[in-house]
PDB file of N, CA and C in Angstrom:
ATOM      1  N   HIS A   1      16.686  25.901 -37.832  1.00  0.00           N
ATOM      2  CA  HIS A   1      15.945  24.667 -37.647  1.00  0.00           C
ATOM      3  C   HIS A   1      15.266  24.702 -36.282  1.00  0.00           C
ATOM      4  N   GLN A   2      13.956  24.559 -36.302  1.00  0.00           N
ATOM      5  CA  GLN A   2      13.217  24.544 -35.043  1.00  0.00           C
ATOM      6  C   GLN A   2      12.912  23.107 -34.662  1.00  0.00           C
ATOM      7  N   GLY A   3      13.468  22.695 -33.567  1.00  0.00           N
ATOM      8  CA  GLY A   3      13.233  21.340 -33.082  1.00  0.00           C
ATOM      9  C   GLY A   3      12.182  21.345 -31.982  1.00  0.00           C
ATOM     10  N   LEU A   4      11.815  20.194 -31.579  1.00  0.00           N
ATOM     11  CA  LEU A   4      10.865  20.036 -30.496  1.00  0.00           C
ATOM     12  C   LEU A   4      11.559  20.354 -29.175  1.00  0.00           C
ATOM     13  N   ASP A   5      10.974  21.245 -28.397  1.00  0.00           N
ATOM     14  CA  ASP A   5      11.547  21.638 -27.113  1.00  0.00           C
ATOM     15  C   ASP A   5      11.176  20.597 -26.059  1.00  0.00           C
ATOM     16  N   LEU A   6      12.034  19.609 -25.880  1.00  0.00           N
ATOM     17  CA  LEU A   6      11.748  18.533 -24.937  1.00  0.00           C
ATOM     18  C   LEU A   6      11.882  18.972 -23.487  1.00  0.00           C
ATOM     19  N   ALA A   7      12.697  19.983 -23.235  1.00  0.00           N
ATOM     20  CA  ALA A   7      12.881  20.449 -21.863  1.00  0.00           C
ATOM     21  C   ALA A   7      11.576  21.012 -21.305  1.00  0.00           C
ATOM     22  N   GLY A   8      10.842  21.724 -22.112  1.00  0.00           N
ATOM     23  CA  GLY A   8       9.574  22.293 -21.665  1.00  0.00           C
ATOM     24  C   GLY A   8       8.428  21.308 -21.690  1.00  0.00           C
ATOM     25  N   LEU A   9       8.670  20.130 -22.190  1.00  0.00           N
ATOM     26  CA  LEU A   9       7.622  19.118 -22.298  1.00  0.00           C
ATOM     27  C   LEU A   9       7.460  18.316 -21.015  1.00  0.00           C
ATOM     28  N   TRP A  10       8.523  18.163 -20.243  1.00  0.00           N
ATOM     29  CA  TRP A  10       8.477  17.294 -19.071  1.00  0.00           C
ATOM     30  C   TRP A  10       7.670  17.875 -17.922  1.00  0.00           C
ATOM     31  N   SER A  11       7.647  19.173 -17.770  1.00  0.00           N
ATOM     32  CA  SER A  11       6.894  19.781 -16.675  1.00  0.00           C
ATOM     33  C   SER A  11       5.389  19.510 -16.792  1.00  0.00           C
ATOM     34  N   PRO A  12       4.768  19.733 -17.937  1.00  0.00           N
ATOM     35  CA  PRO A  12       3.338  19.412 -18.047  1.00  0.00           C
ATOM     36  C   PRO A  12       3.048  17.912 -17.928  1.00  0.00           C
ATOM     37  N   ILE A  13       3.958  17.081 -18.420  1.00  0.00           N
ATOM     38  CA  ILE A  13       3.756  15.634 -18.303  1.00  0.00           C
ATOM     39  C   ILE A  13       3.809  15.217 -16.837  1.00  0.00           C
ATOM     40  N   ARG A  14       4.774  15.757 -16.102  1.00  0.00           N
ATOM     41  CA  ARG A  14       4.894  15.442 -14.674  1.00  0.00           C
ATOM     42  C   ARG A  14       3.666  15.920 -13.912  1.00  0.00           C
ATOM     43  N   LEU A  15       3.210  17.130 -14.196  1.00  0.00           N
ATOM     44  CA  LEU A  15       2.026  17.666 -13.532  1.00  0.00           C
ATOM     45  C   LEU A  15       0.800  16.802 -13.825  1.00  0.00           C
ATOM     46  N   THR A  16       0.650  16.371 -15.062  1.00  0.00           N
ATOM     47  CA  THR A  16      -0.472  15.521 -15.443  1.00  0.00           C
ATOM     48  C   THR A  16      -0.437  14.195 -14.696  1.00  0.00           C
ATOM     49  N   LEU A  17       0.729  13.580 -14.619  1.00  0.00           N
ATOM     50  CA  LEU A  17       0.854  12.303 -13.912  1.00  0.00           C
ATOM     51  C   LEU A  17       0.602  12.452 -12.414  1.00  0.00           C
ATOM     52  N   GLU A  18       1.092  13.542 -11.823  1.00  0.00           N
ATOM     53  CA  GLU A  18       0.852  13.780 -10.398  1.00  0.00           C
ATOM     54  C   GLU A  18      -0.633  13.984 -10.129  1.00  0.00           C
ATOM     55  N   LEU A  19      -1.276  14.790 -10.957  1.00  0.00           N
ATOM     56  CA  LEU A  19      -2.703  15.046 -10.780  1.00  0.00           C
ATOM     57  C   LEU A  19      -3.519  13.773 -10.963  1.00  0.00           C
ATOM     58  N   ALA A  20      -3.181  12.971 -11.957  1.00  0.00           N
ATOM     59  CA  ALA A  20      -3.892  11.712 -12.193  1.00  0.00           C
ATOM     60  C   ALA A  20      -3.720  10.757 -11.015  1.00  0.00           C
ATOM     61  N   THR A  21      -2.530  10.713 -10.446  1.00  0.00           N
ATOM     62  CA  THR A  21      -2.272   9.830  -9.310  1.00  0.00           C
ATOM     63  C   THR A  21      -3.059  10.266  -8.082  1.00  0.00           C
ATOM     64  N   VAL A  22      -2.999  11.546  -7.763  1.00  0.00           N
ATOM     65  CA  VAL A  22      -3.716  12.056  -6.591  1.00  0.00           C
ATOM     66  C   VAL A  22      -5.221  11.861  -6.761  1.00  0.00           C
ATOM     67  N   THR A  23      -5.739  12.159  -7.937  1.00  0.00           N
ATOM     68  CA  THR A  23      -7.166  12.002  -8.196  1.00  0.00           C
ATOM     69  C   THR A  23      -7.589  10.546  -8.059  1.00  0.00           C
ATOM     70  N   THR A  24      -6.801   9.634  -8.584  1.00  0.00           N
ATOM     71  CA  THR A  24      -7.123   8.211  -8.494  1.00  0.00           C
ATOM     72  C   THR A  24      -7.157   7.745  -7.047  1.00  0.00           C
ATOM     73  N   VAL A  25      -6.175   8.148  -6.261  1.00  0.00           N
ATOM     74  CA  VAL A  25      -6.127   7.741  -4.855  1.00  0.00           C
ATOM     75  C   VAL A  25      -7.322   8.304  -4.090  1.00  0.00           C
ATOM     76  N   VAL A  26      -7.616   9.585  -4.278  1.00  0.00           N
ATOM     77  CA  VAL A  26      -8.740  10.209  -3.572  1.00  0.00           C
ATOM     78  C   VAL A  26     -10.056   9.535  -3.953  1.00  0.00           C
ATOM     79  N   LEU A  27     -10.261   9.288  -5.235  1.00  0.00           N
ATOM     80  CA  LEU A  27     -11.510   8.666  -5.667  1.00  0.00           C
ATOM     81  C   LEU A  27     -11.618   7.217  -5.211  1.00  0.00           C
ATOM     82  N   LEU A  28     -10.505   6.511  -5.103  1.00  0.00           N
ATOM     83  CA  LEU A  28     -10.547   5.154  -4.545  1.00  0.00           C
ATOM     84  C   LEU A  28     -10.946   5.184  -3.073  1.00  0.00           C
ATOM     85  N   ILE A  29     -10.400   6.144  -2.336  1.00  0.00           N
ATOM     86  CA  ILE A  29     -10.710   6.254  -0.910  1.00  0.00           C
ATOM     87  C   ILE A  29     -12.178   6.621  -0.700  1.00  0.00           C
ATOM     88  N   ILE A  30     -12.708   7.504  -1.525  1.00  0.00           N
ATOM     89  CA  ILE A  30     -14.100   7.940  -1.379  1.00  0.00           C
ATOM     90  C   ILE A  30     -15.063   6.979  -2.083  1.00  0.00           C
ATOM     91  N   GLY A  31     -14.727   6.564  -3.277  1.00  0.00           N
ATOM     92  CA  GLY A  31     -15.654   5.812  -4.106  1.00  0.00           C
ATOM     93  C   GLY A  31     -15.868   4.372  -3.688  1.00  0.00           C
ATOM     94  N   THR A  32     -14.838   3.710  -3.190  1.00  0.00           N
ATOM     95  CA  THR A  32     -14.978   2.304  -2.822  1.00  0.00           C
ATOM     96  C   THR A  32     -15.983   2.097  -1.690  1.00  0.00           C
ATOM     97  N   PRO A  33     -15.916   2.860  -0.595  1.00  0.00           N
ATOM     98  CA  PRO A  33     -16.940   2.680   0.441  1.00  0.00           C
ATOM     99  C   PRO A  33     -18.355   3.034  -0.042  1.00  0.00           C
ATOM    100  N   ILE A  34     -18.473   4.059  -0.872  1.00  0.00           N
ATOM    101  CA  ILE A  34     -19.793   4.420  -1.391  1.00  0.00           C
ATOM    102  C   ILE A  34     -20.334   3.299  -2.273  1.00  0.00           C
ATOM    103  N   ALA A  35     -19.501   2.738  -3.135  1.00  0.00           N
ATOM    104  CA  ALA A  35     -19.931   1.630  -3.990  1.00  0.00           C
ATOM    105  C   ALA A  35     -20.326   0.419  -3.155  1.00  0.00           C
ATOM    106  N   TRP A  36     -19.561   0.127  -2.136  1.00  0.00           N
ATOM    107  CA  TRP A  36     -19.882  -0.996  -1.249  1.00  0.00           C
ATOM    108  C   TRP A  36     -21.230  -0.765  -0.583  1.00  0.00           C
ATOM    109  N   TRP A  37     -21.446   0.448  -0.072  1.00  0.00           N
ATOM    110  CA  TRP A  37     -22.715   0.771   0.585  1.00  0.00           C
ATOM    111  C   TRP A  37     -23.881   0.693  -0.395  1.00  0.00           C
ATOM    112  N   LEU A  38     -23.709   1.230  -1.599  1.00  0.00           N
ATOM    113  CA  LEU A  38     -24.779   1.186  -2.597  1.00  0.00           C
ATOM    114  C   LEU A  38     -25.118  -0.251  -2.993  1.00  0.00           C
ATOM    115  N   ALA A  39     -24.132  -1.120  -3.039  1.00  0.00           N
ATOM    116  CA  ALA A  39     -24.376  -2.510  -3.428  1.00  0.00           C
ATOM    117  C   ALA A  39     -25.109  -3.295  -2.347  1.00  0.00           C
ATOM    118  N   ARG A  40     -24.957  -2.915  -1.094  1.00  0.00           N
ATOM    119  CA  ARG A  40     -25.510  -3.709  -0.002  1.00  0.00           C
ATOM    120  C   ARG A  40     -26.648  -3.046   0.761  1.00  0.00           C
ATOM    121  N   SER A  41     -26.849  -1.768   0.577  1.00  0.00           N
ATOM    122  CA  SER A  41     -27.827  -1.037   1.376  1.00  0.00           C
ATOM    123  C   SER A  41     -29.252  -1.237   0.869  1.00  0.00           C
ATOM    124  N   LYS A  42     -30.169  -1.170   1.804  1.00  0.00           N
ATOM    125  CA  LYS A  42     -31.584  -1.177   1.464  1.00  0.00           C
ATOM    126  C   LYS A  42     -32.246   0.109   1.981  1.00  0.00           C
ATOM    127  N   ALA A  43     -31.443   1.126   2.202  1.00  0.00           N
ATOM    128  CA  ALA A  43     -31.941   2.400   2.724  1.00  0.00           C
ATOM    129  C   ALA A  43     -32.870   3.070   1.720  1.00  0.00           C
ATOM    130  N   LYS A  44     -33.792   3.884   2.248  1.00  0.00           N
ATOM    131  CA  LYS A  44     -34.751   4.596   1.394  1.00  0.00           C
ATOM    132  C   LYS A  44     -34.047   5.562   0.450  1.00  0.00           C
ATOM    133  N   TRP A  45     -33.022   6.199   0.934  1.00  0.00           N
ATOM    134  CA  TRP A  45     -32.365   7.244   0.147  1.00  0.00           C
ATOM    135  C   TRP A  45     -31.195   6.715  -0.662  1.00  0.00           C
ATOM    136  N   LYS A  46     -31.132   5.405  -0.846  1.00  0.00           N
ATOM    137  CA  LYS A  46     -30.083   4.798  -1.669  1.00  0.00           C
ATOM    138  C   LYS A  46     -30.142   5.314  -3.105  1.00  0.00           C
ATOM    139  N   GLU A  47     -31.342   5.434  -3.661  1.00  0.00           N
ATOM    140  CA  GLU A  47     -31.497   5.908  -5.042  1.00  0.00           C
ATOM    141  C   GLU A  47     -31.027   7.353  -5.190  1.00  0.00           C
ATOM    142  N   ALA A  48     -31.266   8.176  -4.182  1.00  0.00           N
ATOM    143  CA  ALA A  48     -30.810   9.571  -4.233  1.00  0.00           C
ATOM    144  C   ALA A  48     -29.278   9.637  -4.230  1.00  0.00           C
ATOM    145  N   VAL A  49     -28.653   8.819  -3.400  1.00  0.00           N
ATOM    146  CA  VAL A  49     -27.184   8.785  -3.362  1.00  0.00           C
ATOM    147  C   VAL A  49     -26.642   8.280  -4.699  1.00  0.00           C
ATOM    148  N   ALA A  50     -27.275   7.256  -5.261  1.00  0.00           N
ATOM    149  CA  ALA A  50     -26.841   6.727  -6.560  1.00  0.00           C
ATOM    150  C   ALA A  50     -26.972   7.793  -7.643  1.00  0.00           C
ATOM    151  N   ALA A  51     -28.026   8.598  -7.580  1.00  0.00           N
ATOM    152  CA  ALA A  51     -28.206   9.668  -8.568  1.00  0.00           C
ATOM    153  C   ALA A  51     -27.108  10.720  -8.441  1.00  0.00           C
ATOM    154  N   VAL A  52     -26.763  11.090  -7.221  1.00  0.00           N
ATOM    155  CA  VAL A  52     -25.701  12.085  -7.007  1.00  0.00           C
ATOM    156  C   VAL A  52     -24.354  11.538  -7.490  1.00  0.00           C
ATOM    157  N   VAL A  53     -24.111  10.258  -7.228  1.00  0.00           N
ATOM    158  CA  VAL A  53     -22.858   9.637  -7.669  1.00  0.00           C
ATOM    159  C   VAL A  53     -22.786   9.601  -9.198  1.00  0.00           C
ATOM    160  N   ALA A  54     -23.930   9.437  -9.863  1.00  0.00           N
ATOM    161  CA  ALA A  54     -23.957   9.342 -11.327  1.00  0.00           C
ATOM    162  C   ALA A  54     -23.912  10.706 -12.018  1.00  0.00           C
ATOM    163  N   LEU A  55     -24.076  11.788 -11.292  1.00  0.00           N
ATOM    164  CA  LEU A  55     -24.096  13.124 -11.908  1.00  0.00           C
ATOM    165  C   LEU A  55     -22.881  13.430 -12.783  1.00  0.00           C
ATOM    166  N   PRO A  56     -21.661  13.120 -12.373  1.00  0.00           N
ATOM    167  CA  PRO A  56     -20.521  13.413 -13.261  1.00  0.00           C
ATOM    168  C   PRO A  56     -20.584  12.668 -14.597  1.00  0.00           C
ATOM    169  N   LEU A  57     -21.291  11.556 -14.635  1.00  0.00           N
ATOM    170  CA  LEU A  57     -21.435  10.818 -15.892  1.00  0.00           C
ATOM    171  C   LEU A  57     -22.538  11.400 -16.764  1.00  0.00           C
ATOM    172  N   VAL A  58     -23.555  11.979 -16.134  1.00  0.00           N
ATOM    173  CA  VAL A  58     -24.741  12.452 -16.849  1.00  0.00           C
ATOM    174  C   VAL A  58     -24.587  13.899 -17.308  1.00  0.00           C
ATOM    175  N   LEU A  59     -23.985  14.735 -16.505  1.00  0.00           N
ATOM    176  CA  LEU A  59     -23.959  16.171 -16.796  1.00  0.00           C
ATOM    177  C   LEU A  59     -23.158  16.588 -18.024  1.00  0.00           C
ATOM    178  N   PRO A  60     -21.976  16.065 -18.290  1.00  0.00           N
ATOM    179  CA  PRO A  60     -21.246  16.550 -19.473  1.00  0.00           C
ATOM    180  C   PRO A  60     -22.020  16.422 -20.787  1.00  0.00           C
ATOM    181  N   PRO A  61     -22.671  15.271 -21.094  1.00  0.00           N
ATOM    182  CA  PRO A  61     -23.445  15.219 -22.340  1.00  0.00           C
ATOM    183  C   PRO A  61     -24.641  16.165 -22.321  1.00  0.00           C
ATOM    184  N   THR A  62     -25.246  16.350 -21.148  1.00  0.00           N
ATOM    185  CA  THR A  62     -26.387  17.254 -21.031  1.00  0.00           C
ATOM    186  C   THR A  62     -25.958  18.686 -21.306  1.00  0.00           C
ATOM    187  N   VAL A  63     -24.857  19.100 -20.722  1.00  0.00           N
ATOM    188  CA  VAL A  63     -24.353  20.459 -20.937  1.00  0.00           C
ATOM    189  C   VAL A  63     -23.973  20.653 -22.400  1.00  0.00           C
ATOM    190  N   LEU A  64     -23.343  19.664 -22.998  1.00  0.00           N
ATOM    191  CA  LEU A  64     -22.978  19.756 -24.411  1.00  0.00           C
ATOM    192  C   LEU A  64     -24.223  19.860 -25.285  1.00  0.00           C
ATOM    193  N   GLY A  65     -25.246  19.068 -24.989  1.00  0.00           N
ATOM    194  CA  GLY A  65     -26.492  19.141 -25.754  1.00  0.00           C
ATOM    195  C   GLY A  65     -27.147  20.498 -25.626  1.00  0.00           C
ATOM    196  N   PHE A  66     -27.149  21.061 -24.423  1.00  0.00           N
ATOM    197  CA  PHE A  66     -27.719  22.391 -24.221  1.00  0.00           C
ATOM    198  C   PHE A  66     -26.913  23.437 -24.979  1.00  0.00           C
ATOM    199  N   TYR A  67     -25.603  23.285 -24.973  1.00  0.00           N
ATOM    200  CA  TYR A  67     -24.729  24.230 -25.666  1.00  0.00           C
ATOM    201  C   TYR A  67     -24.985  24.208 -27.172  1.00  0.00           C
ATOM    202  N   LEU A  68     -25.252  23.021 -27.712  1.00  0.00           N
ATOM    203  CA  LEU A  68     -25.453  22.891 -29.153  1.00  0.00           C
ATOM    204  C   LEU A  68     -26.808  23.425 -29.614  1.00  0.00           C
ATOM    205  N   LEU A  69     -27.738  23.657 -28.686  1.00  0.00           N
ATOM    206  CA  LEU A  69     -29.038  24.221 -29.070  1.00  0.00           C
ATOM    207  C   LEU A  69     -28.855  25.607 -29.525  1.00  0.00           C
TER     208      LEU A  69
END
């Protein structure tokens, strides 16, 4: 009888939770000031910064579309 190996399951779950926590904290530290600046700034290069910030949202569908061609 082959059962589910629960002992080997906890290590990847722990790693996933640690990575998610660290990523969330880092992005809060970096992203909150950038969002505040983008909301209040009237700088000329505000649109360029907004475009760079939006790249992670735009690129995955673009890459997938290119891959499907």
